[in-house]
Amino acid sequence: MVDMKNNMVIPGCMFLGIGVGFAFGNTAAGLFIGLGVGFVLHTLLAYLSNKKRT
């Protein structure tokens, strides 16, 4: 089951990563780091949300 509260975690982390990468002069690296963090965080939040329901 998809929790609608966690839907914006991946794009949010992606844009934060782009911003940090832009500040350090390497936007592409920031993009991929942000996406990686977003996917891991989204999976963790989904797992914790499912665990709390049961």
Protein backbone atom coordinates (compact mmCIF):
# COMPACT_ATOMS: atom_id res chain seq x y z
CA MET A 1 0.00 0.00 0.00
CA VAL A 2 1.37 3.41 -0.99
CA ASP A 3 1.22 6.08 1.68
CA MET A 4 0.38 9.40 0.02
CA LYS A 5 2.34 11.34 2.66
CA ASN A 6 5.60 9.80 1.45
CA ASN A 7 5.04 10.53 -2.25
CA MET A 8 7.17 13.67 -2.36
CA VAL A 9 10.24 12.25 -0.61
CA ILE A 10 12.07 11.24 -3.80
CA PRO A 11 11.59 14.50 -5.76
CA GLY A 12 12.22 16.55 -2.61
CA CYS A 13 15.56 14.86 -1.99
CA MET A 14 16.38 15.15 -5.69
CA PHE A 15 15.89 18.91 -5.67
CA LEU A 16 17.81 19.29 -2.41
CA GLY A 17 20.64 17.29 -3.98
CA ILE A 18 20.60 19.50 -7.07
CA GLY A 19 20.79 22.59 -4.86
CA VAL A 20 23.69 21.25 -2.83
CA GLY A 21 25.44 20.08 -5.98
CA PHE A 22 24.93 23.49 -7.56
CA ALA A 23 26.44 25.15 -4.48
CA PHE A 24 29.52 22.92 -4.72
CA GLY A 25 29.80 23.18 -8.50
CA ASN A 26 28.77 19.64 -9.44
CA THR A 27 25.05 19.53 -10.14
CA ALA A 28 25.00 16.03 -11.67
CA ALA A 29 26.64 14.44 -8.64
CA GLY A 30 24.20 16.24 -6.34
CA LEU A 31 21.30 15.00 -8.46
CA PHE A 32 22.33 11.36 -8.21
CA ILE A 33 23.17 11.58 -4.51
CA GLY A 34 19.80 13.22 -3.86
CA LEU A 35 17.98 10.52 -5.83
CA GLY A 36 19.80 7.78 -3.96
CA VAL A 37 18.99 9.31 -0.59
CA GLY A 38 15.39 9.82 -1.70
CA PHE A 39 14.91 6.19 -2.71
CA VAL A 40 16.47 4.89 0.50
CA LEU A 41 14.44 7.30 2.65
CA HIS A 42 11.22 6.48 0.80
CA THR A 43 11.78 2.75 1.30
CA LEU A 44 12.59 3.25 4.97
CA LEU A 45 9.50 5.39 5.56
CA ALA A 46 7.28 2.86 3.74
CA TYR A 47 8.71 0.03 5.84
CA LEU A 48 8.19 1.92 9.10
CA SER A 49 4.68 2.93 8.06
CA ASN A 50 3.73 -0.69 7.29
CA LYS A 51 5.32 -1.90 10.51
CA LYS A 52 3.34 0.63 12.54
CA ARG A 53 0.03 -0.54 11.01
CA THR A 54 0.48 -4.19 11.93
